[in-house]
Amino acid sequence: MGKSLIFAESGDEEFFCQAIPFAEWLRQYISGEDVVGPGSGILYPGPVKFRSLPLTPQDPGSE
């Protein structure tokens, strides 16, 4: 199985591409590594919360 291509935007309209599985990219991102360009890594010392955003105005979403 080939590696996934991850395209990420830095927030300054600059895109970066990495040929790694998404799970590895996410691990690096959560660990504070530079995954969206040089100097982009910021470590937020948890806890990490995943949230399901509402799909409709009536849907409350979940955490």
Protein backbone atom coordinates (compact mmCIF):
# COMPACT_ATOMS: atom_id res chain seq x y z
CA MET A 1 0.00 0.00 0.00
CA GLY A 2 1.39 3.41 -0.98
CA LYS A 3 1.71 6.40 1.26
CA SER A 4 -1.04 8.98 1.46
CA LEU A 5 -0.46 12.52 0.29
CA ILE A 6 -1.29 15.04 2.99
CA PHE A 7 -1.85 18.64 1.89
CA ALA A 8 -1.92 21.17 4.72
CA GLU A 9 -2.35 24.94 4.64
CA SER A 10 -0.22 27.04 6.98
CA GLY A 11 -2.79 29.78 7.60
CA ASP A 12 -0.85 32.17 5.34
CA GLU A 13 -2.21 30.70 2.09
CA GLU A 14 0.90 28.53 1.78
CA PHE A 15 0.38 24.82 1.17
CA PHE A 16 2.66 21.94 2.14
CA CYS A 17 2.57 18.35 0.93
CA GLN A 18 3.89 15.27 2.74
CA ALA A 19 3.81 11.65 1.54
CA ILE A 20 3.01 9.97 4.87
CA PRO A 21 0.01 8.14 6.32
CA PHE A 22 -2.57 10.45 7.93
CA ALA A 23 -2.18 8.74 11.33
CA GLU A 24 1.56 9.53 11.33
CA TRP A 25 0.92 13.12 10.24
CA LEU A 26 -1.63 13.51 13.06
CA ARG A 27 0.79 12.02 15.60
CA GLN A 28 3.47 14.50 14.52
CA TYR A 29 1.00 17.41 14.64
CA ILE A 30 -0.22 16.52 18.14
CA SER A 31 3.41 16.04 19.28
CA GLY A 32 4.25 19.61 18.20
CA GLU A 33 6.45 18.72 15.22
CA ASP A 34 6.72 20.92 12.11
CA VAL A 35 4.08 19.43 9.79
CA VAL A 36 2.76 22.59 8.15
CA GLY A 37 6.06 24.17 7.13
CA PRO A 38 9.20 25.24 8.97
CA GLY A 39 8.59 26.60 12.47
CA SER A 40 4.95 25.50 12.47
CA GLY A 41 5.17 23.06 15.36
CA ILE A 42 3.43 24.13 18.56
CA LEU A 43 2.94 21.75 21.44
CA TYR A 44 -0.36 22.07 23.29
CA PRO A 45 0.13 19.88 26.37
CA GLY A 46 -3.30 18.19 26.19
CA PRO A 47 -5.67 16.83 26.86
CA VAL A 48 -6.68 16.61 23.23
CA LYS A 49 -10.42 16.59 22.54
CA PHE A 50 -11.99 15.48 19.31
CA ARG A 51 -15.31 17.02 18.44
CA SER A 52 -17.94 16.06 15.91
CA LEU A 53 -19.28 19.24 14.39
CA PRO A 54 -23.01 19.52 13.72
CA LEU A 55 -24.13 18.57 10.23
CA THR A 56 -27.32 20.63 10.40
CA PRO A 57 -28.43 23.59 12.54
CA GLN A 58 -30.57 21.20 14.61
CA ASP A 59 -27.75 18.68 15.23
CA PRO A 60 -26.07 19.34 18.61
CA GLY A 61 -22.75 17.65 17.64
CA SER A 62 -20.76 15.68 20.19
CA GLU A 63 -17.47 15.71 22.09
